[in-house]
Amino acid sequence: MLKYVNTGVVFQEIPDETTLAINISNCPCHCPGCHSHYLWEDIGLPLDTDAVDAFVKEYGQDITCIAFMGGDNDPKGVNMLAQYIHETYPQYKVAWYSGKTVLSPVVNRQDFDYIKIGPYIRHLGPLKQPTTNQRLYRQTEEHTFEDITSRFWKQHD
């Protein structure tokens, strides 16, 4: 079962979106240098369709995207929630930040507008560093995924 610890409206996780980031606990990745060790624990409240409905009621038009931050312990559950959001609230985009290098075969990529994959590796840096191993993909109109990671890198002239 998915559980979330907290949420926050963020502006830098998904380019061009005002995103409700849902921090999911029980992370199996345990990346060295992780800034959210508390998410390794099996703590928090159930993350289900009732929770999604409550988030939409609370944040409504203040957000354009809902992002699952973690959930690698139950990829099928994350995928089912993504389907639910697209079917019930088509005005929102859906994103998933996974710490895995490859998505589980139970995941249907088409249910996500954005997918970030890759564990945090301290010496390679986060998404904002050009040396990062992490990648953020956006689903195109042709239903393929394009790598938009470079949108996080500051351009120096």
N, C-alpha and C. Protein backbone atom coordinates (compact mmCIF):
# COMPACT_ATOMS: atom_id res chain seq x y z
N MET A 1 0.84 -1.18 0.00
CA MET A 1 0.00 0.00 0.00
C MET A 1 0.89 1.25 0.00
N LEU A 2 0.51 2.20 -0.81
CA LEU A 2 1.21 3.48 -0.84
C LEU A 2 0.81 4.34 0.34
N LYS A 3 1.79 5.05 0.89
CA LYS A 3 1.54 6.02 1.95
C LYS A 3 2.30 7.29 1.62
N TYR A 4 1.69 8.42 1.98
CA TYR A 4 2.39 9.69 1.77
C TYR A 4 2.62 10.34 3.12
N VAL A 5 3.71 11.12 3.19
CA VAL A 5 4.07 11.79 4.43
C VAL A 5 3.65 13.24 4.40
N ASN A 6 3.87 13.90 3.26
CA ASN A 6 3.50 15.31 3.14
C ASN A 6 3.37 15.67 1.67
N THR A 7 2.91 16.89 1.44
CA THR A 7 2.75 17.41 0.10
C THR A 7 3.23 18.85 0.08
N GLY A 8 3.43 19.36 -1.11
CA GLY A 8 3.78 20.77 -1.25
C GLY A 8 3.60 21.21 -2.68
N VAL A 9 3.23 22.45 -2.85
CA VAL A 9 3.14 23.02 -4.19
C VAL A 9 4.52 23.52 -4.56
N VAL A 10 5.03 23.02 -5.68
CA VAL A 10 6.39 23.33 -6.11
C VAL A 10 6.39 23.85 -7.55
N PHE A 11 7.44 24.59 -7.88
CA PHE A 11 7.51 25.22 -9.20
C PHE A 11 8.71 24.76 -10.02
N GLN A 12 9.63 24.01 -9.41
CA GLN A 12 10.85 23.64 -10.12
C GLN A 12 10.94 22.17 -10.47
N GLU A 13 10.05 21.33 -9.98
CA GLU A 13 10.17 19.90 -10.24
C GLU A 13 9.81 19.54 -11.68
N ILE A 14 8.76 20.17 -12.21
CA ILE A 14 8.30 19.91 -13.57
C ILE A 14 8.26 21.24 -14.32
N PRO A 15 9.06 21.38 -15.37
CA PRO A 15 9.09 22.66 -16.10
C PRO A 15 7.71 23.07 -16.61
N ASP A 16 7.42 24.35 -16.44
CA ASP A 16 6.19 24.97 -16.94
C ASP A 16 4.92 24.51 -16.23
N GLU A 17 5.07 23.86 -15.09
CA GLU A 17 3.91 23.37 -14.35
C GLU A 17 3.96 23.87 -12.90
N THR A 18 2.79 24.10 -12.33
CA THR A 18 2.66 24.32 -10.89
C THR A 18 2.22 22.98 -10.33
N THR A 19 3.12 22.36 -9.59
CA THR A 19 2.99 20.94 -9.28
C THR A 19 2.70 20.69 -7.81
N LEU A 20 1.74 19.81 -7.56
CA LEU A 20 1.53 19.30 -6.22
C LEU A 20 2.43 18.07 -6.09
N ALA A 21 3.49 18.19 -5.30
CA ALA A 21 4.42 17.08 -5.08
C ALA A 21 3.94 16.29 -3.86
N ILE A 22 3.74 15.00 -4.06
CA ILE A 22 3.29 14.11 -2.99
C ILE A 22 4.47 13.22 -2.61
N ASN A 23 4.98 13.40 -1.40
CA ASN A 23 6.14 12.64 -0.94
C ASN A 23 5.70 11.30 -0.36
N ILE A 24 6.10 10.23 -1.05
CA ILE A 24 5.67 8.88 -0.71
C ILE A 24 6.74 8.20 0.14
N SER A 25 6.29 7.51 1.18
CA SER A 25 7.22 6.85 2.10
C SER A 25 7.51 5.41 1.66
N ASN A 26 8.32 4.73 2.50
CA ASN A 26 8.71 3.33 2.29
C ASN A 26 9.55 3.17 1.03
N CYS A 27 10.43 4.12 0.78
CA CYS A 27 11.29 4.09 -0.41
C CYS A 27 12.30 2.95 -0.29
N PRO A 28 12.33 2.06 -1.29
CA PRO A 28 13.28 0.96 -1.25
C PRO A 28 14.65 1.31 -1.82
N CYS A 29 14.80 2.50 -2.37
CA CYS A 29 16.04 2.84 -3.08
C CYS A 29 17.21 3.14 -2.14
N HIS A 30 16.93 3.86 -1.06
CA HIS A 30 17.95 4.19 -0.05
C HIS A 30 19.23 4.74 -0.69
N CYS A 31 19.09 5.75 -1.52
CA CYS A 31 20.23 6.35 -2.22
C CYS A 31 21.20 6.98 -1.21
N PRO A 32 22.49 6.70 -1.31
CA PRO A 32 23.46 7.39 -0.46
C PRO A 32 23.38 8.90 -0.73
N GLY A 33 23.36 9.68 0.31
CA GLY A 33 23.26 11.13 0.15
C GLY A 33 21.83 11.63 0.01
N CYS A 34 20.87 10.76 0.17
CA CYS A 34 19.45 11.14 0.07
C CYS A 34 19.15 12.26 1.06
N HIS A 35 18.41 13.28 0.60
CA HIS A 35 18.05 14.39 1.47
C HIS A 35 16.73 14.14 2.20
N SER A 36 16.12 12.97 1.97
CA SER A 36 14.82 12.68 2.59
C SER A 36 14.82 11.30 3.24
N HIS A 37 15.77 11.07 4.13
CA HIS A 37 15.86 9.77 4.80
C HIS A 37 14.55 9.34 5.45
N TYR A 38 13.79 10.31 5.92
CA TYR A 38 12.54 9.97 6.60
C TYR A 38 11.58 9.23 5.67
N LEU A 39 11.74 9.37 4.37
CA LEU A 39 10.88 8.67 3.42
C LEU A 39 11.27 7.21 3.24
N TRP A 40 12.36 6.78 3.86
CA TRP A 40 12.73 5.37 3.83
C TRP A 40 11.82 4.55 4.73
N GLU A 41 11.23 5.21 5.73
CA GLU A 41 10.37 4.54 6.71
C GLU A 41 8.98 4.27 6.14
N ASP A 42 8.33 3.25 6.67
CA ASP A 42 6.96 2.93 6.28
C ASP A 42 6.03 3.73 7.20
N ILE A 43 5.85 5.02 6.86
CA ILE A 43 5.08 5.94 7.69
C ILE A 43 4.10 6.72 6.82
N GLY A 44 3.20 7.42 7.45
CA GLY A 44 2.31 8.32 6.73
C GLY A 44 0.89 7.82 6.61
N LEU A 45 0.15 8.51 5.78
CA LEU A 45 -1.27 8.23 5.55
C LEU A 45 -1.46 7.49 4.24
N PRO A 46 -2.54 6.72 4.12
CA PRO A 46 -2.79 5.99 2.86
C PRO A 46 -2.90 6.96 1.68
N LEU A 47 -2.23 6.59 0.61
CA LEU A 47 -2.34 7.35 -0.65
C LEU A 47 -3.20 6.53 -1.59
N ASP A 48 -4.46 6.95 -1.69
CA ASP A 48 -5.44 6.24 -2.51
C ASP A 48 -6.29 7.27 -3.24
N THR A 49 -7.34 6.81 -3.89
CA THR A 49 -8.18 7.74 -4.66
C THR A 49 -8.87 8.76 -3.75
N ASP A 50 -9.20 8.37 -2.53
CA ASP A 50 -9.81 9.33 -1.59
C ASP A 50 -8.83 10.46 -1.27
N ALA A 51 -7.55 10.11 -1.08
CA ALA A 51 -6.53 11.13 -0.82
C ALA A 51 -6.38 12.05 -2.02
N VAL A 52 -6.36 11.48 -3.23
CA VAL A 52 -6.25 12.29 -4.45
C VAL A 52 -7.44 13.25 -4.53
N ASP A 53 -8.64 12.75 -4.28
CA ASP A 53 -9.83 13.60 -4.31
C ASP A 53 -9.69 14.76 -3.32
N ALA A 54 -9.17 14.48 -2.14
CA ALA A 54 -8.99 15.53 -1.12
C ALA A 54 -7.96 16.56 -1.59
N PHE A 55 -6.88 16.10 -2.23
CA PHE A 55 -5.87 17.04 -2.75
C PHE A 55 -6.48 17.95 -3.80
N VAL A 56 -7.25 17.37 -4.70
CA VAL A 56 -7.87 18.16 -5.77
C VAL A 56 -8.85 19.18 -5.16
N LYS A 57 -9.60 18.76 -4.17
CA LYS A 57 -10.54 19.68 -3.51
C LYS A 57 -9.78 20.82 -2.84
N GLU A 58 -8.64 20.49 -2.21
CA GLU A 58 -7.87 21.51 -1.49
C GLU A 58 -7.13 22.46 -2.44
N TYR A 59 -6.51 21.93 -3.48
CA TYR A 59 -5.64 22.75 -4.33
C TYR A 59 -6.30 23.23 -5.62
N GLY A 60 -7.28 22.51 -6.11
CA GLY A 60 -8.08 22.91 -7.26
C GLY A 60 -7.30 23.55 -8.39
N GLN A 61 -7.63 24.79 -8.67
CA GLN A 61 -7.02 25.51 -9.79
C GLN A 61 -5.65 26.09 -9.47
N ASP A 62 -5.15 25.88 -8.27
CA ASP A 62 -3.82 26.38 -7.92
C ASP A 62 -2.71 25.51 -8.50
N ILE A 63 -3.05 24.33 -9.01
CA ILE A 63 -2.04 23.42 -9.56
C ILE A 63 -2.40 23.01 -10.98
N THR A 64 -1.38 22.58 -11.74
CA THR A 64 -1.60 22.07 -13.09
C THR A 64 -1.10 20.63 -13.24
N CYS A 65 -0.39 20.15 -12.22
CA CYS A 65 0.24 18.83 -12.31
C CYS A 65 0.27 18.20 -10.93
N ILE A 66 0.14 16.88 -10.89
CA ILE A 66 0.28 16.11 -9.65
C ILE A 66 1.45 15.17 -9.84
N ALA A 67 2.42 15.25 -8.93
CA ALA A 67 3.64 14.44 -9.05
C ALA A 67 3.77 13.49 -7.87
N PHE A 68 4.02 12.25 -8.18
CA PHE A 68 4.31 11.23 -7.18
C PHE A 68 5.81 11.21 -6.99
N MET A 69 6.25 11.57 -5.81
CA MET A 69 7.68 11.62 -5.49
C MET A 69 8.01 10.33 -4.75
N GLY A 70 8.41 9.32 -5.51
CA GLY A 70 8.65 7.99 -4.95
C GLY A 70 7.51 7.07 -5.29
N GLY A 71 7.43 5.98 -4.52
CA GLY A 71 6.40 4.98 -4.79
C GLY A 71 6.98 3.74 -5.44
N ASP A 72 8.30 3.65 -5.46
CA ASP A 72 8.95 2.50 -6.09
C ASP A 72 8.65 1.19 -5.36
N ASN A 73 8.13 1.26 -4.14
CA ASN A 73 7.74 0.05 -3.43
C ASN A 73 6.43 -0.52 -3.97
N ASP A 74 5.66 0.27 -4.73
CA ASP A 74 4.38 -0.18 -5.29
C ASP A 74 4.12 0.51 -6.63
N PRO A 75 4.90 0.17 -7.67
CA PRO A 75 4.71 0.85 -8.96
C PRO A 75 3.32 0.63 -9.56
N LYS A 76 2.73 -0.52 -9.30
CA LYS A 76 1.38 -0.76 -9.81
C LYS A 76 0.39 0.20 -9.17
N GLY A 77 0.56 0.47 -7.87
CA GLY A 77 -0.30 1.43 -7.17
C GLY A 77 -0.14 2.84 -7.71
N VAL A 78 1.10 3.25 -8.00
CA VAL A 78 1.33 4.57 -8.58
C VAL A 78 0.66 4.66 -9.95
N ASN A 79 0.80 3.61 -10.75
CA ASN A 79 0.20 3.60 -12.08
C ASN A 79 -1.33 3.68 -12.00
N MET A 80 -1.93 2.95 -11.04
CA MET A 80 -3.38 3.00 -10.90
C MET A 80 -3.85 4.41 -10.51
N LEU A 81 -3.10 5.10 -9.66
CA LEU A 81 -3.47 6.47 -9.29
C LEU A 81 -3.31 7.42 -10.47
N ALA A 82 -2.28 7.21 -11.28
CA ALA A 82 -2.10 8.04 -12.48
C ALA A 82 -3.29 7.86 -13.42
N GLN A 83 -3.71 6.62 -13.61
CA GLN A 83 -4.89 6.35 -14.45
C GLN A 83 -6.12 7.06 -13.88
N TYR A 84 -6.29 6.95 -12.57
CA TYR A 84 -7.44 7.58 -11.92
C TYR A 84 -7.45 9.09 -12.14
N ILE A 85 -6.29 9.72 -11.98
CA ILE A 85 -6.22 11.17 -12.17
C ILE A 85 -6.57 11.54 -13.59
N HIS A 86 -6.01 10.85 -14.57
CA HIS A 86 -6.30 11.18 -15.97
C HIS A 86 -7.77 10.96 -16.31
N GLU A 87 -8.37 9.93 -15.74
CA GLU A 87 -9.78 9.65 -16.03
C GLU A 87 -10.72 10.60 -15.30
N THR A 88 -10.39 10.93 -14.07
CA THR A 88 -11.29 11.71 -13.22
C THR A 88 -11.02 13.21 -13.28
N TYR A 89 -9.77 13.57 -13.45
CA TYR A 89 -9.34 14.97 -13.46
C TYR A 89 -8.43 15.23 -14.67
N PRO A 90 -8.99 15.19 -15.87
CA PRO A 90 -8.15 15.30 -17.07
C PRO A 90 -7.45 16.65 -17.23
N GLN A 91 -7.81 17.63 -16.42
CA GLN A 91 -7.16 18.94 -16.51
C GLN A 91 -5.75 18.93 -15.92
N TYR A 92 -5.41 17.88 -15.17
CA TYR A 92 -4.09 17.80 -14.54
C TYR A 92 -3.15 16.88 -15.31
N LYS A 93 -1.90 17.29 -15.33
CA LYS A 93 -0.85 16.41 -15.83
C LYS A 93 -0.39 15.55 -14.66
N VAL A 94 0.22 14.41 -14.98
CA VAL A 94 0.68 13.48 -13.94
C VAL A 94 2.16 13.20 -14.15
N ALA A 95 2.91 13.30 -13.07
CA ALA A 95 4.35 13.05 -13.12
C ALA A 95 4.72 12.01 -12.07
N TRP A 96 5.85 11.33 -12.34
CA TRP A 96 6.37 10.36 -11.37
C TRP A 96 7.87 10.50 -11.30
N TYR A 97 8.37 10.72 -10.09
CA TYR A 97 9.81 10.71 -9.82
C TYR A 97 10.14 9.35 -9.24
N SER A 98 10.82 8.52 -10.02
CA SER A 98 11.23 7.19 -9.59
C SER A 98 12.73 7.17 -9.36
N GLY A 99 13.15 6.50 -8.31
CA GLY A 99 14.57 6.35 -8.04
C GLY A 99 15.20 5.16 -8.73
N LYS A 100 14.42 4.44 -9.49
CA LYS A 100 14.92 3.26 -10.21
C LYS A 100 15.57 3.70 -11.53
N THR A 101 16.43 2.86 -12.07
CA THR A 101 17.05 3.18 -13.36
C THR A 101 16.17 2.73 -14.52
N VAL A 102 15.27 1.78 -14.26
CA VAL A 102 14.33 1.27 -15.27
C VAL A 102 12.97 1.14 -14.60
N LEU A 103 11.93 1.53 -15.31
CA LEU A 103 10.59 1.39 -14.74
C LEU A 103 10.15 -0.07 -14.72
N SER A 104 9.36 -0.40 -13.73
CA SER A 104 8.81 -1.74 -13.62
C SER A 104 7.96 -2.07 -14.85
N PRO A 105 7.95 -3.33 -15.28
CA PRO A 105 7.12 -3.71 -16.43
C PRO A 105 5.62 -3.60 -16.15
N VAL A 106 5.20 -3.45 -14.89
CA VAL A 106 3.78 -3.29 -14.60
C VAL A 106 3.30 -1.86 -14.84
N VAL A 107 4.23 -0.96 -15.16
CA VAL A 107 3.90 0.45 -15.37
C VAL A 107 3.62 0.70 -16.85
N ASN A 108 2.51 1.39 -17.11
CA ASN A 108 2.18 1.83 -18.46
C ASN A 108 2.62 3.29 -18.58
N ARG A 109 3.71 3.53 -19.27
CA ARG A 109 4.24 4.89 -19.41
C ARG A 109 3.20 5.87 -19.94
N GLN A 110 2.29 5.40 -20.75
CA GLN A 110 1.30 6.29 -21.35
C GLN A 110 0.37 6.93 -20.33
N ASP A 111 0.37 6.41 -19.10
CA ASP A 111 -0.45 6.98 -18.04
C ASP A 111 0.21 8.18 -17.36
N PHE A 112 1.41 8.53 -17.82
CA PHE A 112 2.16 9.64 -17.22
C PHE A 112 2.52 10.67 -18.28
N ASP A 113 2.46 11.93 -17.89
CA ASP A 113 2.89 13.02 -18.78
C ASP A 113 4.39 13.26 -18.62
N TYR A 114 4.91 13.00 -17.42
CA TYR A 114 6.33 13.18 -17.13
C TYR A 114 6.80 11.99 -16.28
N ILE A 115 8.02 11.54 -16.56
CA ILE A 115 8.63 10.49 -15.74
C ILE A 115 10.09 10.84 -15.53
N LYS A 116 10.49 10.89 -14.25
CA LYS A 116 11.90 11.06 -13.92
C LYS A 116 12.40 9.72 -13.42
N ILE A 117 13.52 9.27 -13.96
CA ILE A 117 14.10 8.03 -13.48
C ILE A 117 15.56 8.26 -13.08
N GLY A 118 16.01 7.41 -12.18
CA GLY A 118 17.40 7.44 -11.77
C GLY A 118 17.57 7.71 -10.30
N PRO A 119 18.42 6.93 -9.67
CA PRO A 119 18.72 7.18 -8.26
C PRO A 119 19.57 8.42 -8.12
N TYR A 120 19.53 9.02 -6.95
CA TYR A 120 20.41 10.14 -6.67
C TYR A 120 21.80 9.58 -6.40
N ILE A 121 22.77 10.02 -7.18
CA ILE A 121 24.17 9.65 -6.98
C ILE A 121 24.93 10.94 -6.71
N ARG A 122 25.37 11.09 -5.47
CA ARG A 122 25.91 12.36 -4.99
C ARG A 122 26.96 12.96 -5.92
N HIS A 123 27.96 12.19 -6.33
CA HIS A 123 29.04 12.78 -7.13
C HIS A 123 28.59 13.15 -8.55
N LEU A 124 27.44 12.66 -8.99
CA LEU A 124 26.91 13.04 -10.31
C LEU A 124 25.95 14.23 -10.20
N GLY A 125 25.40 14.42 -9.02
CA GLY A 125 24.54 15.58 -8.78
C GLY A 125 23.08 15.35 -9.15
N PRO A 126 22.22 16.31 -8.77
CA PRO A 126 20.79 16.24 -9.06
C PRO A 126 20.49 16.68 -10.50
N LEU A 127 19.22 16.74 -10.83
CA LEU A 127 18.79 17.11 -12.19
C LEU A 127 19.38 18.43 -12.68
N LYS A 128 19.62 19.37 -11.78
CA LYS A 128 20.11 20.68 -12.22
C LYS A 128 21.58 20.66 -12.64
N GLN A 129 22.27 19.56 -12.42
CA GLN A 129 23.68 19.45 -12.82
C GLN A 129 23.80 18.69 -14.15
N PRO A 130 24.53 19.22 -15.11
CA PRO A 130 24.69 18.53 -16.39
C PRO A 130 25.34 17.15 -16.26
N THR A 131 26.00 16.88 -15.14
CA THR A 131 26.65 15.58 -14.94
C THR A 131 25.70 14.52 -14.38
N THR A 132 24.46 14.87 -14.09
CA THR A 132 23.53 13.96 -13.43
C THR A 132 23.27 12.69 -14.25
N ASN A 133 23.01 11.63 -13.54
CA ASN A 133 22.56 10.38 -14.17
C ASN A 133 21.04 10.36 -14.28
N GLN A 134 20.36 11.23 -13.54
CA GLN A 134 18.90 11.26 -13.55
C GLN A 134 18.39 11.91 -14.83
N ARG A 135 17.22 11.46 -15.28
CA ARG A 135 16.63 12.00 -16.50
C ARG A 135 15.15 12.25 -16.30
N LEU A 136 14.67 13.38 -16.87
CA LEU A 136 13.25 13.69 -16.86
C LEU A 136 12.75 13.63 -18.29
N TYR A 137 11.71 12.83 -18.48
CA TYR A 137 11.11 12.65 -19.81
C TYR A 137 9.70 13.22 -19.82
N ARG A 138 9.34 13.81 -20.97
CA ARG A 138 7.98 14.33 -21.17
C ARG A 138 7.34 13.57 -22.32
N GLN A 139 6.10 13.18 -22.13
CA GLN A 139 5.37 12.50 -23.20
C GLN A 139 5.00 13.52 -24.28
N THR A 140 5.26 13.17 -25.52
CA THR A 140 4.96 14.05 -26.65
C THR A 140 3.55 13.78 -27.18
N GLU A 141 3.12 14.61 -28.10
CA GLU A 141 1.81 14.40 -28.74
C GLU A 141 1.77 13.09 -29.51
N GLU A 142 2.95 12.59 -29.92
CA GLU A 142 3.04 11.32 -30.65
C GLU A 142 3.13 10.13 -29.69
N HIS A 143 3.00 10.40 -28.39
CA HIS A 143 3.03 9.38 -27.33
C HIS A 143 4.39 8.70 -27.20
N THR A 144 5.43 9.42 -27.58
CA THR A 144 6.79 8.97 -27.30
C THR A 144 7.28 9.84 -26.14
N PHE A 145 8.45 9.55 -25.64
CA PHE A 145 8.98 10.35 -24.54
C PHE A 145 10.27 11.02 -24.96
N GLU A 146 10.35 12.33 -24.69
CA GLU A 146 11.56 13.08 -25.00
C GLU A 146 12.26 13.47 -23.71
N ASP A 147 13.57 13.43 -23.75
CA ASP A 147 14.40 13.79 -22.60
C ASP A 147 14.45 15.31 -22.50
N ILE A 148 13.92 15.86 -21.40
CA ILE A 148 13.92 17.31 -21.20
C ILE A 148 14.80 17.71 -20.02
N THR A 149 15.70 16.83 -19.63
CA THR A 149 16.56 17.09 -18.47
C THR A 149 17.33 18.39 -18.62
N SER A 150 17.77 18.70 -19.81
CA SER A 150 18.59 19.90 -20.03
C SER A 150 17.84 21.19 -19.68
N ARG A 151 16.52 21.14 -19.56
CA ARG A 151 15.76 22.33 -19.17
C ARG A 151 16.11 22.78 -17.75
N PHE A 152 16.71 21.90 -16.96
CA PHE A 152 17.10 22.24 -15.60
C PHE A 152 18.47 22.91 -15.53
N TRP A 153 19.23 22.83 -16.60
CA TRP A 153 20.60 23.33 -16.58
C TRP A 153 20.62 24.80 -16.96
N LYS A 154 21.26 25.61 -16.15
CA LYS A 154 21.39 27.04 -16.43
C LYS A 154 22.35 27.22 -17.60
N GLN A 155 21.93 28.09 -18.49
CA GLN A 155 22.77 28.41 -19.65
C GLN A 155 23.72 29.54 -19.27
N HIS A 156 24.99 29.34 -19.54
CA HIS A 156 25.99 30.38 -19.30
C HIS A 156 26.53 30.87 -20.64
N ASP A 157 26.44 32.16 -20.84
CA ASP A 157 26.94 32.74 -22.11
C ASP A 157 28.38 33.16 -21.98
